[in-house]
Amino acid sequence: MKSLGKVSRKLKPVLIAKVDCDDHKLVCCKYGVSRYPTIQWFPKGSLEPVKYEGPRNAEALAGYVTKEVVLLLIVPNTRSHFLS
């Protein structure tokens, strides 16, 4: 995950966090973490995670995050365009 941190520096609107389930059992229980590593994506403004099922390397994770960030930037603008 350290290499993902290096890659994610280019992705300004993204926060990456690591949770130790031994120290934070309630958090892990709340989000259904039962095996390790578990990677979850929380879209901006959402408290409901999307479970990441892709490859476990920095490049794949960065690609996934980049795609999600781009969708967040495009979809709201497109939706507001249709609503006006």
Protein backbone atom coordinates (compact mmCIF):
# COMPACT_ATOMS: atom_id res chain seq x y z
CA MET A 1 0.00 0.00 0.00
CA LYS A 2 2.94 2.37 0.42
CA SER A 3 3.43 2.40 -3.34
CA LEU A 4 -0.26 3.28 -3.78
CA GLY A 5 0.31 6.27 -1.53
CA LYS A 6 3.04 7.46 -3.87
CA VAL A 7 0.82 7.02 -6.91
CA SER A 8 -2.18 8.65 -5.20
CA ARG A 9 -0.33 11.92 -4.58
CA LYS A 10 -1.31 12.78 -8.14
CA LEU A 11 -4.97 12.17 -7.26
CA LYS A 12 -5.61 15.27 -5.15
CA PRO A 13 -9.25 14.63 -4.13
CA VAL A 14 -8.53 11.12 -2.79
CA LEU A 15 -7.88 10.19 0.83
CA ILE A 16 -6.34 6.78 1.49
CA ALA A 17 -6.57 5.26 4.95
CA LYS A 18 -5.46 2.03 6.58
CA VAL A 19 -7.38 0.57 9.54
CA ASP A 20 -5.97 -1.98 11.99
CA CYS A 21 -8.93 -4.21 12.80
CA ASP A 22 -7.30 -5.44 16.00
CA ASP A 23 -7.35 -1.87 17.32
CA HIS A 24 -10.62 -0.76 15.66
CA LYS A 25 -12.94 -3.77 15.84
CA LEU A 26 -16.14 -1.69 15.74
CA VAL A 27 -15.15 0.04 12.50
CA CYS A 28 -14.29 -3.27 10.85
CA CYS A 29 -17.50 -4.87 12.10
CA LYS A 30 -19.57 -1.91 10.84
CA TYR A 31 -18.15 -2.22 7.32
CA GLY A 32 -18.10 -6.02 7.16
CA VAL A 33 -14.35 -6.52 7.15
CA SER A 34 -13.73 -10.18 7.96
CA ARG A 35 -10.59 -11.03 5.98
CA TYR A 36 -7.47 -9.19 5.03
CA PRO A 37 -6.68 -7.26 3.03
CA THR A 38 -10.12 -5.78 2.38
CA ILE A 39 -10.21 -2.72 0.15
CA GLN A 40 -13.29 -0.54 0.06
CA TRP A 41 -14.05 2.62 -1.89
CA PHE A 42 -16.20 5.31 -0.29
CA PRO A 43 -17.50 7.65 -2.99
CA LYS A 44 -17.37 11.29 -1.93
CA GLY A 45 -20.19 12.08 0.47
CA SER A 46 -21.16 8.44 0.97
CA LEU A 47 -20.91 6.34 4.11
CA GLU A 48 -21.66 3.19 2.13
CA PRO A 49 -18.56 1.48 0.76
CA VAL A 50 -18.12 -0.26 -2.57
CA LYS A 51 -15.96 -3.36 -2.22
CA TYR A 52 -12.92 -3.36 -4.52
CA GLU A 53 -12.49 -6.74 -6.22
CA GLY A 54 -9.68 -5.96 -8.67
CA PRO A 55 -5.96 -6.78 -8.71
CA ARG A 56 -3.94 -5.96 -5.57
CA ASN A 57 -1.17 -3.81 -7.00
CA ALA A 58 -0.59 -0.06 -6.95
CA GLU A 59 -1.14 0.44 -10.68
CA ALA A 60 -4.50 -1.37 -10.72
CA LEU A 61 -5.72 0.42 -7.60
CA ALA A 62 -4.62 3.79 -8.95
CA GLY A 63 -6.44 3.06 -12.22
CA TYR A 64 -9.61 2.15 -10.33
CA VAL A 65 -9.44 5.25 -8.15
CA THR A 66 -8.72 7.48 -11.15
CA LYS A 67 -11.75 6.06 -12.98
CA GLU A 68 -13.97 6.63 -9.93
CA VAL A 69 -12.71 10.20 -9.44
CA VAL A 70 -13.27 11.01 -13.12
CA LEU A 71 -16.82 9.61 -12.87
CA LEU A 72 -17.46 11.82 -9.83
CA LEU A 73 -16.32 14.84 -11.81
CA ILE A 74 -18.28 14.02 -14.97
CA VAL A 75 -21.56 12.62 -13.66
CA PRO A 76 -22.60 15.57 -11.44
CA ASN A 77 -21.98 18.05 -14.26
CA THR A 78 -23.88 15.91 -16.73
CA ARG A 79 -26.79 15.41 -14.31
CA SER A 80 -27.08 19.11 -13.52
CA HIS A 81 -27.00 19.82 -17.24
CA PHE A 82 -30.09 17.63 -17.73
CA LEU A 83 -31.88 19.07 -14.70
CA SER A 84 -31.60 22.68 -15.83
